[in-house]
Amino acid sequence: MSIIQVHNLTKVYPVAFKSPGLKGTVKHFFKREYKYVEAVKGVSFELEPGEVVGFLGANGAGKTTTLKMLTGLIHPSSGEARVNGHVPFKRATPFLRQISLIMGQKQQLIWDLPALDSLKINAAIYGIDHDEAQRRIDELAEMLGLSRQLQQPVRKLSLGERMKAELLAALLHRPTVLFLDEPTLGLDVNAQEAVRRFLQDYNDRYNATLILTSHYMADITALCKRVILIHQGQLIYDGSLDGLLAQFAPSRAVQLDLGKVYDRTHLESFGQIENIEGRTVRYLVERDRLTETVSRLLAELDVVDLSVTDPPIEEVIGQVFEQGQVADQGLAPVMPDSSNS
């Protein structure tokens, strides 16, 4: 049974606006006018226990709004959501014990106290007895490589160490569903890799379900086999990373290092050339013609080296958001329902 079920989830915000000038200000003071902004428009998807799913979109696409609805921080305007059998916005205690929301730009640790003190406070809030809390702290600290830093005031920790301590605090009650909003934001490369390893380890150890938003595609490619793309509040893709490349990047790059210089006209007979630099030629080849084209190149040219690569995932996703593929997916926009706003 799916652990997260989302059906036609919609969030509409009423936003007050006023005309410029004194007249507009006076009118705004006595009688405000509103327009309705659809942050999320009829989004539907399901996640199975233990899945790690990337939830991607440009700034303002509706990612964080969706996560906040799934964690019960805000009410949806319409639609349904269930997380492990619970309706999130009811915020029942059993539901809150099963989830955690981790936001890379937010902190819950007390700035001037050692991180260990904040962890003990968290343990008391969740009703975890002292011995069990210490066992969990030791286990998570070892997984994060953070054992020596817990005695230091939070303000003296590096950014990467603080993020690790925040993860420890958020996972102390051992949630089964993790909502991760930019968990590696602002971290250096080594700290990002450490956080990714920890999240993968936590997923493997406890079969936790993770839904992850990130602008660092390395987070997505390292952790997520499945991705969900949202554009202007609407879901436009739900499937594998490989499927995303196949759908939105139908060509692969074939780069050749040649033993001699060939006439460009001759080289163009093999397919679309993206770039020529000396004896290095780069072709864009449609996936269904890849085997045939590579065979011809090897048979008819003096090839010293050959490589076949997909375009960078960042480039593919950027093109998807730039072009706005909503219409291509057959998704109709959802009009705001003023009765629910």
Protein backbone atom coordinates (compact mmCIF):
# COMPACT_ATOMS: atom_id res chain seq x y z
CA MET A 1 0.00 0.00 0.00
CA SER A 2 1.27 3.49 -0.86
CA ILE A 3 2.66 5.40 2.10
CA ILE A 4 1.99 8.82 0.49
CA GLN A 5 -1.18 9.34 -1.55
CA VAL A 6 -1.86 12.69 -3.21
CA HIS A 7 -4.94 13.26 -5.34
CA ASN A 8 -5.74 16.51 -7.13
CA LEU A 9 -4.00 18.58 -4.45
CA THR A 10 -4.50 22.31 -4.95
CA LYS A 11 -3.47 25.41 -3.04
CA VAL A 12 -4.82 28.87 -3.93
CA TYR A 13 -3.64 32.00 -2.11
CA PRO A 14 -5.67 35.23 -2.08
CA VAL A 15 -3.23 38.09 -2.60
CA ALA A 16 -4.27 41.70 -1.97
CA PHE A 17 -3.24 44.24 -4.60
CA LYS A 18 -3.65 47.98 -4.91
CA SER A 19 -3.44 50.61 -7.60
CA PRO A 20 -0.51 53.06 -7.43
CA GLY A 21 -0.76 56.53 -5.94
CA LEU A 22 -2.71 58.11 -3.07
CA LYS A 23 -6.10 57.19 -4.49
CA GLY A 24 -5.07 53.55 -4.78
CA THR A 25 -3.73 53.56 -1.21
CA VAL A 26 -6.95 55.03 0.24
CA LYS A 27 -9.09 52.55 -1.70
CA HIS A 28 -6.85 49.70 -0.58
CA PHE A 29 -7.26 50.79 3.04
CA PHE A 30 -11.08 50.80 2.99
CA LYS A 31 -11.85 48.11 0.42
CA ARG A 32 -9.16 45.66 -0.54
CA GLU A 33 -9.23 43.81 -3.81
CA TYR A 34 -7.75 40.36 -4.21
CA LYS A 35 -6.41 38.19 -6.98
CA TYR A 36 -6.00 34.45 -6.61
CA VAL A 37 -2.60 32.82 -7.09
CA GLU A 38 -2.54 29.08 -7.76
CA ALA A 39 0.61 27.82 -6.09
CA VAL A 40 -0.28 24.15 -6.65
CA LYS A 41 -2.76 23.01 -9.31
CA GLY A 42 -4.29 19.55 -9.09
CA VAL A 43 -1.14 17.56 -8.30
CA SER A 44 -1.50 13.77 -7.95
CA PHE A 45 1.08 11.08 -7.20
CA GLU A 46 1.79 8.14 -4.88
CA LEU A 47 4.96 6.96 -3.11
CA GLU A 48 5.69 3.44 -1.91
CA PRO A 49 7.41 2.65 1.43
CA GLY A 50 11.18 3.00 1.14
CA GLU A 51 11.14 5.07 -2.08
CA VAL A 52 13.51 7.99 -2.50
CA VAL A 53 11.94 10.47 -4.92
CA GLY A 54 13.27 13.76 -6.25
CA PHE A 55 10.67 16.55 -6.35
CA LEU A 56 11.96 19.13 -8.79
CA GLY A 57 10.88 22.51 -10.08
CA ALA A 58 12.11 26.03 -10.68
CA ASN A 59 11.82 28.67 -7.96
CA GLY A 60 8.13 29.36 -7.30
CA ALA A 61 6.99 26.13 -8.99
CA GLY A 62 5.10 24.92 -5.90
CA LYS A 63 7.57 22.42 -4.41
CA THR A 64 7.76 23.82 -0.89
CA THR A 65 4.02 24.55 -0.81
CA THR A 66 3.34 20.90 -1.65
CA LEU A 67 5.73 19.69 1.07
CA LYS A 68 4.09 22.00 3.60
CA MET A 69 0.67 20.58 2.74
CA LEU A 70 2.00 17.03 3.10
CA THR A 71 3.45 17.83 6.52
CA GLY A 72 0.32 19.60 7.74
CA LEU A 73 1.81 23.08 7.99
CA ILE A 74 -0.80 24.51 5.62
CA HIS A 75 -4.25 23.38 4.52
CA PRO A 76 -4.93 22.55 0.87
CA SER A 77 -7.59 24.56 -0.93
CA SER A 78 -8.92 21.31 -2.42
CA GLY A 79 -7.87 17.75 -3.10
CA GLU A 80 -6.76 14.97 -0.79
CA ALA A 81 -3.51 13.86 0.79
CA ARG A 82 -2.68 10.96 3.10
CA VAL A 83 0.66 10.17 4.65
CA ASN A 84 0.91 6.71 6.18
CA GLY A 85 -2.87 6.66 6.51
CA HIS A 86 -3.14 10.09 8.17
CA VAL A 87 -4.63 13.34 6.87
CA PRO A 88 -1.68 15.74 7.33
CA PHE A 89 -3.51 18.96 8.24
CA LYS A 90 -5.25 17.25 11.18
CA ARG A 91 -1.76 17.01 12.74
CA ALA A 92 -2.59 13.96 14.86
CA THR A 93 0.16 12.94 17.28
CA PRO A 94 0.74 9.52 15.65
CA PHE A 95 1.22 11.31 12.31
CA LEU A 96 3.71 13.82 13.72
CA ARG A 97 5.75 10.98 15.25
CA GLN A 98 6.16 9.37 11.81
CA ILE A 99 7.38 12.34 9.77
CA SER A 100 10.11 14.94 9.68
CA LEU A 101 10.52 18.07 7.57
CA ILE A 102 14.12 19.16 7.03
CA MET A 103 14.71 22.55 5.42
CA GLY A 104 18.24 23.51 4.51
CA GLN A 105 17.73 27.20 5.28
CA LYS A 106 16.02 26.69 8.66
CA GLN A 107 17.39 25.61 12.02
CA GLN A 108 15.88 24.18 15.20
CA LEU A 109 19.01 23.89 17.34
CA ILE A 110 19.56 26.49 20.07
CA TRP A 111 22.36 28.74 18.86
CA ASP A 112 24.33 29.27 22.10
CA LEU A 113 23.95 25.78 23.59
CA PRO A 114 25.83 22.60 22.73
CA ALA A 115 23.97 20.59 20.11
CA LEU A 116 23.65 17.74 22.62
CA ASP A 117 21.44 19.89 24.86
CA SER A 118 19.02 20.59 22.01
CA LEU A 119 18.95 16.89 21.19
CA LYS A 120 18.01 16.04 24.76
CA ILE A 121 15.19 18.60 24.60
CA ASN A 122 13.94 16.99 21.38
CA ALA A 123 14.06 13.56 23.01
CA ALA A 124 11.95 14.84 25.92
CA ILE A 125 9.40 16.37 23.54
CA TYR A 126 8.97 13.02 21.80
CA GLY A 127 8.86 11.10 25.08
CA ILE A 128 12.04 9.11 24.41
CA ASP A 129 13.58 7.90 27.66
CA HIS A 130 17.15 8.90 28.53
CA ASP A 131 18.89 5.62 27.75
CA GLU A 132 17.11 5.12 24.41
CA ALA A 133 17.73 8.75 23.45
CA GLN A 134 21.45 8.40 24.17
CA ARG A 135 21.61 5.18 22.14
CA ARG A 136 19.94 6.88 19.16
CA ILE A 137 22.14 9.97 19.46
CA ASP A 138 25.28 7.80 19.51
CA GLU A 139 24.07 5.77 16.52
CA LEU A 140 23.14 8.77 14.38
CA ALA A 141 26.25 10.73 15.41
CA GLU A 142 28.44 7.82 14.34
CA MET A 143 26.62 7.59 10.99
CA LEU A 144 27.16 11.34 10.50
CA GLY A 145 30.73 11.46 11.82
CA LEU A 146 29.61 14.05 14.38
CA SER A 147 30.37 12.47 17.78
CA ARG A 148 33.08 14.96 18.79
CA GLN A 149 31.14 18.08 17.79
CA LEU A 150 27.99 17.54 19.88
CA GLN A 151 29.57 19.10 22.98
CA GLN A 152 30.33 22.38 21.18
CA PRO A 153 27.94 25.36 21.03
CA VAL A 154 26.02 25.32 17.77
CA ARG A 155 27.35 28.79 16.82
CA LYS A 156 30.91 27.37 16.77
CA LEU A 157 30.10 24.56 14.35
CA SER A 158 30.86 24.87 10.65
CA LEU A 159 27.91 25.08 8.26
CA GLY A 160 28.35 21.43 7.29
CA GLU A 161 28.52 20.33 10.94
CA ARG A 162 25.41 22.36 11.76
CA MET A 163 23.50 20.71 8.91
CA LYS A 164 24.53 17.28 10.18
CA ALA A 165 23.41 18.22 13.69
CA GLU A 166 20.08 19.45 12.28
CA LEU A 167 19.64 16.11 10.53
CA LEU A 168 20.36 14.29 13.76
CA ALA A 169 17.79 16.38 15.62
CA ALA A 170 15.17 15.84 12.92
CA LEU A 171 15.68 12.07 12.89
CA LEU A 172 16.01 11.41 16.60
CA HIS A 173 12.40 10.17 16.82
CA ARG A 174 13.17 7.82 13.90
CA PRO A 175 10.55 9.01 11.38
CA THR A 176 9.46 6.72 8.56
CA VAL A 177 8.75 9.58 6.12
CA LEU A 178 11.27 12.37 5.48
CA PHE A 179 10.48 15.57 3.60
CA LEU A 180 13.77 17.19 2.62
CA ASP A 181 13.71 20.74 1.25
CA GLU A 182 17.18 21.72 -0.01
CA PRO A 183 19.07 19.72 2.68
CA THR A 184 22.50 20.50 1.17
CA LEU A 185 21.86 24.21 0.53
CA GLY A 186 25.05 26.23 0.93
CA LEU A 187 27.26 23.27 1.85
CA ASP A 188 30.63 22.62 0.28
CA VAL A 189 31.20 19.58 -1.93
CA ASN A 190 32.52 17.35 0.87
CA ALA A 191 29.67 18.23 3.23
CA GLN A 192 27.11 17.62 0.47
CA GLU A 193 28.55 14.18 -0.18
CA ALA A 194 28.52 13.35 3.55
CA VAL A 195 24.84 14.32 3.83
CA ARG A 196 23.96 12.22 0.77
CA ARG A 197 25.76 9.17 2.16
CA PHE A 198 23.96 9.56 5.47
CA LEU A 199 20.52 9.87 3.85
CA GLN A 200 21.16 6.78 1.73
CA ASP A 201 22.34 4.89 4.83
CA TYR A 202 19.27 5.98 6.80
CA ASN A 203 17.00 4.89 3.96
CA ASP A 204 18.71 1.49 3.74
CA ARG A 205 18.72 0.93 7.50
CA TYR A 206 15.13 1.95 8.32
CA ASN A 207 13.36 1.63 4.93
CA ALA A 208 12.36 5.28 5.29
CA THR A 209 10.52 7.06 2.49
CA LEU A 210 12.24 10.24 1.30
CA ILE A 211 10.88 13.02 -0.88
CA LEU A 212 13.65 15.45 -1.75
CA THR A 213 13.79 18.87 -3.36
CA SER A 214 17.16 20.25 -4.40
CA HIS A 215 18.73 22.59 -6.93
CA TYR A 216 21.89 20.44 -6.75
CA MET A 217 21.33 17.74 -9.35
CA ALA A 218 24.10 15.68 -7.75
CA ASP A 219 21.72 15.14 -4.82
CA ILE A 220 19.06 13.81 -7.18
CA THR A 221 21.30 11.59 -9.29
CA ALA A 222 22.98 10.13 -6.19
CA LEU A 223 19.79 9.33 -4.26
CA CYS A 224 16.74 9.21 -6.53
CA LYS A 225 15.74 6.63 -9.11
CA ARG A 226 12.41 8.40 -9.60
CA VAL A 227 11.75 12.09 -10.12
CA ILE A 228 8.60 14.20 -10.12
CA LEU A 229 8.73 17.52 -11.99
CA ILE A 230 6.40 20.39 -11.16
CA HIS A 231 6.10 23.49 -13.35
CA GLN A 232 3.96 26.51 -12.43
CA GLY A 233 2.12 24.40 -9.88
CA GLN A 234 1.36 21.49 -12.21
CA LEU A 235 2.93 18.06 -12.35
CA ILE A 236 4.56 17.59 -15.75
CA TYR A 237 6.61 14.40 -15.31
CA ASP A 238 6.61 11.44 -12.94
CA GLY A 239 9.01 8.61 -13.72
CA SER A 240 12.62 7.47 -13.80
CA LEU A 241 15.63 9.67 -14.47
CA ASP A 242 16.42 7.54 -17.51
CA GLY A 243 12.87 8.02 -18.75
CA LEU A 244 13.22 11.77 -18.30
CA LEU A 245 16.32 11.79 -20.50
CA ALA A 246 14.62 9.61 -23.10
CA GLN A 247 11.54 11.85 -23.22
CA PHE A 248 13.10 15.29 -23.08
CA ALA A 249 16.58 14.58 -24.50
CA PRO A 250 16.00 12.27 -27.47
CA SER A 251 19.61 12.61 -28.68
CA ARG A 252 22.90 11.44 -27.21
CA ALA A 253 26.30 13.01 -27.72
CA VAL A 254 28.90 10.97 -29.64
CA GLN A 255 32.41 12.41 -29.47
CA LEU A 256 35.20 11.18 -31.73
CA ASP A 257 38.94 11.73 -31.61
CA LEU A 258 40.11 11.11 -35.19
CA GLY A 259 43.50 10.00 -36.49
CA LYS A 260 43.42 12.56 -39.30
CA VAL A 261 41.53 15.65 -40.45
CA TYR A 262 38.47 15.04 -42.65
CA ASP A 263 36.53 17.40 -44.87
CA ARG A 264 33.52 18.81 -42.99
CA THR A 265 31.14 17.89 -45.82
CA HIS A 266 32.21 14.25 -45.48
CA LEU A 267 31.77 14.33 -41.71
CA GLU A 268 28.28 15.83 -42.05
CA SER A 269 27.18 12.78 -44.02
CA PHE A 270 27.18 10.78 -40.75
CA GLY A 271 24.73 13.03 -38.91
CA GLN A 272 24.22 16.31 -37.05
CA ILE A 273 27.50 17.85 -35.93
CA GLU A 274 27.37 19.84 -32.73
CA ASN A 275 31.01 20.90 -32.69
CA ILE A 276 34.34 20.39 -34.50
CA GLU A 277 37.63 21.30 -32.87
CA GLY A 278 40.72 20.09 -34.69
CA ARG A 279 40.43 16.31 -34.94
CA THR A 280 37.69 16.12 -32.31
CA VAL A 281 34.13 15.91 -33.62
CA ARG A 282 30.97 15.88 -31.51
CA TYR A 283 27.71 14.54 -33.02
CA LEU A 284 24.14 14.64 -31.70
CA VAL A 285 22.56 11.28 -32.54
CA GLU A 286 18.97 10.19 -31.97
CA ARG A 287 18.77 7.30 -29.55
CA ASP A 288 17.08 4.90 -31.96
CA ARG A 289 19.85 5.47 -34.54
CA LEU A 290 22.76 5.31 -32.11
CA THR A 291 23.95 1.76 -32.83
CA GLU A 292 23.72 2.20 -36.59
CA THR A 293 25.55 5.55 -36.55
CA VAL A 294 28.35 4.41 -34.24
CA SER A 295 28.92 1.31 -36.42
CA ARG A 296 29.26 3.51 -39.54
CA LEU A 297 31.64 5.91 -37.81
CA LEU A 298 33.92 3.12 -36.66
CA ALA A 299 33.85 1.40 -40.03
CA GLU A 300 34.43 4.43 -42.26
CA LEU A 301 36.58 6.82 -40.21
CA ASP A 302 40.00 6.57 -38.60
CA VAL A 303 38.70 6.66 -34.99
CA VAL A 304 41.27 6.89 -32.19
CA ASP A 305 38.74 7.24 -29.36
CA LEU A 306 34.95 7.34 -29.08
CA SER A 307 32.61 8.19 -26.20
CA VAL A 308 28.82 8.27 -25.92
CA THR A 309 27.20 10.43 -23.23
CA ASP A 310 23.82 11.75 -22.20
CA PRO A 311 23.44 15.52 -21.88
CA PRO A 312 23.89 16.77 -18.30
CA ILE A 313 20.71 16.22 -16.28
CA GLU A 314 20.82 19.89 -15.18
CA GLU A 315 20.70 20.95 -18.83
CA VAL A 316 17.76 18.64 -19.61
CA ILE A 317 15.68 19.74 -16.64
CA GLY A 318 16.53 23.38 -17.30
CA GLN A 319 15.25 23.04 -20.85
CA VAL A 320 12.05 21.39 -19.62
CA PHE A 321 11.28 24.27 -17.25
CA GLU A 322 12.32 26.91 -19.76
CA GLN A 323 10.09 25.52 -22.49
CA GLY A 324 7.19 24.71 -20.14
CA GLN A 325 6.11 21.22 -21.15
CA VAL A 326 2.70 21.30 -19.39
CA ALA A 327 0.68 21.33 -22.60
CA ASP A 328 2.68 18.42 -23.99
CA GLN A 329 1.70 16.30 -21.01
CA GLY A 330 -2.01 16.84 -21.55
CA LEU A 331 -2.55 18.53 -18.19
CA ALA A 332 -5.28 21.13 -18.08
CA PRO A 333 -4.89 24.09 -15.70
CA VAL A 334 -7.10 24.07 -12.60
CA MET A 335 -9.10 27.22 -12.05
CA PRO A 336 -9.10 28.69 -8.53
CA ASP A 337 -12.08 27.83 -6.35
CA SER A 338 -12.87 30.94 -4.37
CA SER A 339 -15.06 28.98 -1.96
CA ASN A 340 -12.02 27.09 -0.71
CA SER A 341 -9.65 30.00 -0.44
